[in-house]
Amino acid sequence: MNPQENRDYERRLQELETELDKDRIPTVDNQLGQPLLTRNVNHSQPEKSVLSQVANWFNRLPSGGKVAVGIVAAVVGFAILRSVLQLVASLISLAILGVILYLVYKFFVTSKSSK
């Protein structure tokens, strides 16, 4: 092989390496001082990544595990729904109480002070 072919192969090899590693960023392990390669994560749609990870985890569960996770998720979901509904009911009660107190103030306190 002549030196020109060697340079072409080396250049092509470097191009292939840069194509393969363009998704990775070199970092340094603080304890060992050795470079690590980490992948860039596409943060434009992180919910798809998390959702797919949860779906993969759920699909790897045995049938009994899927049933247990479903039951726990239903209980937690209903507890959250109950809490939100109680919060809304409390806010509605406070609004009604505020309107009643305002009307009492308007009719009784201001009418006595004007006389």
N, C-alpha and C. Protein backbone atom coordinates (compact mmCIF):
# COMPACT_ATOMS: atom_id res chain seq x y z
N MET A 1 0.85 -1.18 0.00
CA MET A 1 0.00 0.00 0.00
C MET A 1 0.89 1.23 0.00
N ASN A 2 0.51 2.18 -0.77
CA ASN A 2 1.30 3.40 -0.79
C ASN A 2 0.80 4.37 0.27
N PRO A 3 1.57 5.38 0.64
CA PRO A 3 1.20 6.32 1.71
C PRO A 3 -0.08 7.09 1.40
N GLN A 4 -0.37 7.33 0.13
CA GLN A 4 -1.59 8.05 -0.24
C GLN A 4 -2.83 7.24 0.13
N GLU A 5 -2.82 5.95 -0.11
CA GLU A 5 -3.95 5.09 0.24
C GLU A 5 -4.12 5.01 1.75
N ASN A 6 -2.99 4.97 2.48
CA ASN A 6 -3.04 4.96 3.94
C ASN A 6 -3.73 6.22 4.46
N ARG A 7 -3.38 7.36 3.91
CA ARG A 7 -3.99 8.63 4.34
C ARG A 7 -5.48 8.63 4.03
N ASP A 8 -5.86 8.11 2.87
CA ASP A 8 -7.28 8.06 2.51
C ASP A 8 -8.05 7.16 3.47
N TYR A 9 -7.45 6.02 3.81
CA TYR A 9 -8.12 5.12 4.75
C TYR A 9 -8.23 5.76 6.14
N GLU A 10 -7.18 6.42 6.58
CA GLU A 10 -7.21 7.07 7.88
C GLU A 10 -8.24 8.21 7.91
N ARG A 11 -8.28 8.99 6.83
CA ARG A 11 -9.25 10.07 6.75
C ARG A 11 -10.67 9.51 6.76
N ARG A 12 -10.91 8.47 6.00
CA ARG A 12 -12.24 7.85 5.95
C ARG A 12 -12.62 7.26 7.30
N LEU A 13 -11.64 6.64 7.98
CA LEU A 13 -11.88 6.09 9.31
C LEU A 13 -12.25 7.19 10.29
N GLN A 14 -11.57 8.32 10.24
CA GLN A 14 -11.89 9.44 11.12
C GLN A 14 -13.29 9.99 10.82
N GLU A 15 -13.66 10.06 9.56
CA GLU A 15 -15.01 10.52 9.19
C GLU A 15 -16.07 9.59 9.73
N LEU A 16 -15.83 8.29 9.63
CA LEU A 16 -16.79 7.32 10.16
C LEU A 16 -16.90 7.42 11.68
N GLU A 17 -15.76 7.62 12.35
CA GLU A 17 -15.80 7.76 13.80
C GLU A 17 -16.57 9.01 14.23
N THR A 18 -16.37 10.10 13.50
CA THR A 18 -17.11 11.32 13.86
C THR A 18 -18.59 11.15 13.58
N GLU A 19 -18.96 10.41 12.55
CA GLU A 19 -20.38 10.16 12.29
C GLU A 19 -21.00 9.31 13.39
N LEU A 20 -20.26 8.31 13.85
CA LEU A 20 -20.77 7.44 14.91
C LEU A 20 -20.85 8.16 16.25
N ASP A 21 -19.91 9.05 16.51
CA ASP A 21 -19.83 9.70 17.82
C ASP A 21 -20.44 11.08 17.86
N LYS A 22 -21.15 11.50 16.83
CA LYS A 22 -21.69 12.86 16.87
C LYS A 22 -22.81 13.01 17.89
N ASP A 23 -23.43 11.90 18.33
CA ASP A 23 -24.45 11.96 19.36
C ASP A 23 -23.86 11.91 20.77
N ARG A 24 -22.59 11.67 20.87
CA ARG A 24 -21.98 11.48 22.19
C ARG A 24 -21.07 12.64 22.53
N ILE A 25 -21.02 12.94 23.85
CA ILE A 25 -20.15 14.00 24.35
C ILE A 25 -19.15 13.35 25.30
N PRO A 26 -17.86 13.59 25.14
CA PRO A 26 -16.91 13.02 26.10
C PRO A 26 -16.95 13.79 27.42
N THR A 27 -17.03 13.06 28.50
CA THR A 27 -16.94 13.66 29.84
C THR A 27 -15.87 12.90 30.61
N VAL A 28 -15.52 13.41 31.78
CA VAL A 28 -14.46 12.79 32.56
C VAL A 28 -15.05 12.28 33.86
N ASP A 29 -14.74 11.04 34.19
CA ASP A 29 -15.13 10.47 35.47
C ASP A 29 -14.26 11.12 36.55
N ASN A 30 -14.89 11.78 37.53
CA ASN A 30 -14.13 12.52 38.54
C ASN A 30 -13.28 11.61 39.41
N GLN A 31 -13.74 10.39 39.68
CA GLN A 31 -13.00 9.51 40.56
C GLN A 31 -11.81 8.87 39.85
N LEU A 32 -12.02 8.42 38.63
CA LEU A 32 -10.97 7.70 37.93
C LEU A 32 -10.17 8.58 36.98
N GLY A 33 -10.72 9.73 36.60
CA GLY A 33 -10.04 10.58 35.65
C GLY A 33 -10.05 10.04 34.23
N GLN A 34 -10.89 9.05 33.99
CA GLN A 34 -10.97 8.45 32.66
C GLN A 34 -12.12 9.07 31.90
N PRO A 35 -11.95 9.26 30.59
CA PRO A 35 -13.06 9.83 29.83
C PRO A 35 -14.20 8.83 29.68
N LEU A 36 -15.40 9.33 29.81
CA LEU A 36 -16.60 8.53 29.61
C LEU A 36 -17.33 9.07 28.40
N LEU A 37 -18.09 8.23 27.74
CA LEU A 37 -18.90 8.68 26.63
C LEU A 37 -20.36 8.64 27.05
N THR A 38 -21.02 9.76 26.90
CA THR A 38 -22.44 9.83 27.24
C THR A 38 -23.20 10.29 26.02
N ARG A 39 -24.42 9.85 25.91
CA ARG A 39 -25.25 10.23 24.77
C ARG A 39 -25.97 11.53 25.08
N ASN A 40 -26.12 12.35 24.07
CA ASN A 40 -26.98 13.52 24.18
C ASN A 40 -28.41 13.03 24.15
N VAL A 41 -29.20 13.50 25.09
CA VAL A 41 -30.60 13.13 25.14
C VAL A 41 -31.40 14.23 24.48
N ASN A 42 -32.30 13.87 23.63
CA ASN A 42 -33.15 14.85 22.96
C ASN A 42 -34.17 15.35 23.98
N HIS A 43 -34.00 16.59 24.45
CA HIS A 43 -34.89 17.13 25.48
C HIS A 43 -36.09 17.85 24.88
N SER A 44 -36.27 17.75 23.58
CA SER A 44 -37.40 18.45 22.98
C SER A 44 -38.72 17.76 23.34
N GLN A 45 -38.69 16.45 23.52
CA GLN A 45 -39.91 15.74 23.89
C GLN A 45 -39.58 14.72 24.98
N PRO A 46 -39.26 15.18 26.21
CA PRO A 46 -38.87 14.24 27.25
C PRO A 46 -40.02 13.35 27.71
N GLU A 47 -41.26 13.81 27.54
CA GLU A 47 -42.38 13.00 28.00
C GLU A 47 -42.52 11.73 27.18
N LYS A 48 -42.15 11.76 25.91
CA LYS A 48 -42.20 10.54 25.10
C LYS A 48 -41.20 9.52 25.63
N SER A 49 -40.03 9.99 26.02
CA SER A 49 -39.01 9.10 26.53
C SER A 49 -39.46 8.46 27.84
N VAL A 50 -39.98 9.27 28.74
CA VAL A 50 -40.44 8.75 30.03
C VAL A 50 -41.62 7.82 29.83
N LEU A 51 -42.54 8.20 28.96
CA LEU A 51 -43.70 7.37 28.71
C LEU A 51 -43.30 6.03 28.10
N SER A 52 -42.35 6.06 27.18
CA SER A 52 -41.92 4.80 26.58
C SER A 52 -41.17 3.94 27.59
N GLN A 53 -40.40 4.56 28.49
CA GLN A 53 -39.72 3.79 29.52
C GLN A 53 -40.72 3.13 30.47
N VAL A 54 -41.76 3.86 30.85
CA VAL A 54 -42.78 3.30 31.73
C VAL A 54 -43.53 2.18 31.01
N ALA A 55 -43.84 2.40 29.73
CA ALA A 55 -44.55 1.36 28.97
C ALA A 55 -43.68 0.11 28.84
N ASN A 56 -42.40 0.27 28.59
CA ASN A 56 -41.51 -0.89 28.50
C ASN A 56 -41.42 -1.61 29.83
N TRP A 57 -41.31 -0.85 30.93
CA TRP A 57 -41.26 -1.46 32.25
C TRP A 57 -42.55 -2.23 32.53
N PHE A 58 -43.69 -1.62 32.20
CA PHE A 58 -44.97 -2.27 32.45
C PHE A 58 -45.12 -3.53 31.61
N ASN A 59 -44.68 -3.49 30.37
CA ASN A 59 -44.80 -4.66 29.50
C ASN A 59 -43.91 -5.81 29.94
N ARG A 60 -42.81 -5.52 30.64
CA ARG A 60 -41.93 -6.59 31.13
C ARG A 60 -42.45 -7.25 32.40
N LEU A 61 -43.45 -6.65 33.03
CA LEU A 61 -43.99 -7.23 34.26
C LEU A 61 -44.77 -8.50 33.97
N PRO A 62 -44.79 -9.43 34.94
CA PRO A 62 -45.67 -10.60 34.78
C PRO A 62 -47.13 -10.18 34.94
N SER A 63 -48.03 -11.06 34.61
CA SER A 63 -49.47 -10.73 34.65
C SER A 63 -49.92 -10.27 36.03
N GLY A 64 -49.47 -10.96 37.06
CA GLY A 64 -49.83 -10.57 38.42
C GLY A 64 -49.31 -9.19 38.78
N GLY A 65 -48.13 -8.88 38.31
CA GLY A 65 -47.56 -7.55 38.55
C GLY A 65 -48.34 -6.47 37.85
N LYS A 66 -48.80 -6.77 36.62
CA LYS A 66 -49.61 -5.80 35.88
C LYS A 66 -50.92 -5.52 36.60
N VAL A 67 -51.53 -6.57 37.14
CA VAL A 67 -52.78 -6.39 37.88
C VAL A 67 -52.53 -5.56 39.14
N ALA A 68 -51.44 -5.86 39.86
CA ALA A 68 -51.13 -5.13 41.08
C ALA A 68 -50.85 -3.66 40.78
N VAL A 69 -50.09 -3.39 39.72
CA VAL A 69 -49.80 -2.01 39.35
C VAL A 69 -51.09 -1.30 38.95
N GLY A 70 -51.98 -1.99 38.24
CA GLY A 70 -53.26 -1.39 37.86
C GLY A 70 -54.11 -1.04 39.06
N ILE A 71 -54.14 -1.92 40.04
CA ILE A 71 -54.92 -1.66 41.26
C ILE A 71 -54.34 -0.49 42.04
N VAL A 72 -53.03 -0.49 42.20
CA VAL A 72 -52.38 0.61 42.93
C VAL A 72 -52.59 1.93 42.20
N ALA A 73 -52.47 1.91 40.87
CA ALA A 73 -52.67 3.14 40.09
C ALA A 73 -54.11 3.63 40.23
N ALA A 74 -55.07 2.71 40.24
CA ALA A 74 -56.47 3.11 40.39
C ALA A 74 -56.71 3.72 41.77
N VAL A 75 -56.16 3.12 42.81
CA VAL A 75 -56.34 3.65 44.17
C VAL A 75 -55.71 5.03 44.29
N VAL A 76 -54.50 5.19 43.77
CA VAL A 76 -53.83 6.49 43.84
C VAL A 76 -54.59 7.51 43.01
N GLY A 77 -55.05 7.11 41.83
CA GLY A 77 -55.82 8.03 40.98
C GLY A 77 -57.10 8.50 41.64
N PHE A 78 -57.82 7.57 42.26
CA PHE A 78 -59.06 7.97 42.95
C PHE A 78 -58.77 8.83 44.17
N ALA A 79 -57.67 8.59 44.85
CA ALA A 79 -57.30 9.42 46.00
C ALA A 79 -57.00 10.84 45.55
N ILE A 80 -56.27 10.97 44.45
CA ILE A 80 -55.96 12.31 43.92
C ILE A 80 -57.24 13.00 43.46
N LEU A 81 -58.10 12.27 42.77
CA LEU A 81 -59.37 12.84 42.31
C LEU A 81 -60.22 13.30 43.50
N ARG A 82 -60.26 12.49 44.54
CA ARG A 82 -61.03 12.85 45.73
C ARG A 82 -60.48 14.12 46.37
N SER A 83 -59.16 14.23 46.45
CA SER A 83 -58.54 15.42 47.04
C SER A 83 -58.84 16.67 46.22
N VAL A 84 -58.78 16.54 44.90
CA VAL A 84 -59.08 17.69 44.05
C VAL A 84 -60.54 18.10 44.20
N LEU A 85 -61.43 17.14 44.23
CA LEU A 85 -62.85 17.46 44.39
C LEU A 85 -63.13 18.09 45.75
N GLN A 86 -62.45 17.63 46.81
CA GLN A 86 -62.62 18.24 48.12
C GLN A 86 -62.10 19.68 48.12
N LEU A 87 -61.00 19.91 47.43
CA LEU A 87 -60.47 21.26 47.32
C LEU A 87 -61.44 22.18 46.59
N VAL A 88 -62.02 21.69 45.50
CA VAL A 88 -62.99 22.49 44.76
C VAL A 88 -64.22 22.76 45.62
N ALA A 89 -64.69 21.76 46.34
CA ALA A 89 -65.85 21.94 47.22
C ALA A 89 -65.54 22.97 48.32
N SER A 90 -64.35 22.92 48.86
CA SER A 90 -63.96 23.89 49.89
C SER A 90 -63.92 25.30 49.32
N LEU A 91 -63.38 25.45 48.12
CA LEU A 91 -63.34 26.78 47.50
C LEU A 91 -64.74 27.31 47.21
N ILE A 92 -65.63 26.44 46.76
CA ILE A 92 -67.02 26.86 46.51
C ILE A 92 -67.68 27.27 47.83
N SER A 93 -67.45 26.50 48.90
CA SER A 93 -68.02 26.85 50.21
C SER A 93 -67.49 28.19 50.70
N LEU A 94 -66.20 28.42 50.52
CA LEU A 94 -65.63 29.71 50.93
C LEU A 94 -66.21 30.86 50.11
N ALA A 95 -66.43 30.64 48.84
CA ALA A 95 -67.02 31.68 47.99
C ALA A 95 -68.44 32.00 48.43
N ILE A 96 -69.22 30.96 48.72
CA ILE A 96 -70.60 31.18 49.18
C ILE A 96 -70.60 31.90 50.52
N LEU A 97 -69.73 31.49 51.43
CA LEU A 97 -69.63 32.16 52.73
C LEU A 97 -69.22 33.61 52.56
N GLY A 98 -68.30 33.88 51.66
CA GLY A 98 -67.89 35.25 51.40
C GLY A 98 -69.02 36.09 50.87
N VAL A 99 -69.82 35.55 49.96
CA VAL A 99 -70.97 36.29 49.42
C VAL A 99 -71.98 36.56 50.52
N ILE A 100 -72.25 35.57 51.36
CA ILE A 100 -73.21 35.75 52.47
C ILE A 100 -72.70 36.82 53.44
N LEU A 101 -71.44 36.76 53.81
CA LEU A 101 -70.90 37.78 54.72
C LEU A 101 -70.92 39.17 54.10
N TYR A 102 -70.64 39.26 52.80
CA TYR A 102 -70.70 40.56 52.12
C TYR A 102 -72.13 41.11 52.13
N LEU A 103 -73.10 40.25 51.85
CA LEU A 103 -74.50 40.69 51.84
C LEU A 103 -74.94 41.12 53.24
N VAL A 104 -74.54 40.37 54.26
CA VAL A 104 -74.87 40.74 55.64
C VAL A 104 -74.25 42.10 55.96
N TYR A 105 -73.02 42.30 55.60
CA TYR A 105 -72.36 43.58 55.83
C TYR A 105 -73.06 44.70 55.08
N LYS A 106 -73.39 44.44 53.83
CA LYS A 106 -73.99 45.47 52.98
C LYS A 106 -75.36 45.90 53.53
N PHE A 107 -76.20 44.94 53.91
CA PHE A 107 -77.57 45.28 54.32
C PHE A 107 -77.64 45.75 55.77
N PHE A 108 -76.91 45.11 56.66
CA PHE A 108 -77.08 45.45 58.06
C PHE A 108 -76.11 46.50 58.56
N VAL A 109 -74.86 46.42 58.21
CA VAL A 109 -73.88 47.35 58.76
C VAL A 109 -73.97 48.70 58.05
N THR A 110 -74.05 48.71 56.75
CA THR A 110 -74.09 49.99 56.04
C THR A 110 -75.45 50.67 56.19
N SER A 111 -76.54 49.91 56.33
CA SER A 111 -77.84 50.54 56.50
C SER A 111 -77.97 51.19 57.88
N LYS A 112 -77.36 50.62 58.91
CA LYS A 112 -77.37 51.20 60.25
C LYS A 112 -76.50 52.46 60.30
N SER A 113 -75.39 52.46 59.58
CA SER A 113 -74.51 53.60 59.65
C SER A 113 -75.07 54.79 58.86
N SER A 114 -75.93 54.55 57.88
CA SER A 114 -76.51 55.64 57.11
C SER A 114 -77.67 56.30 57.84
N LYS A 115 -78.24 55.64 58.82
CA LYS A 115 -79.38 56.20 59.57
C LYS A 115 -78.93 57.12 60.61
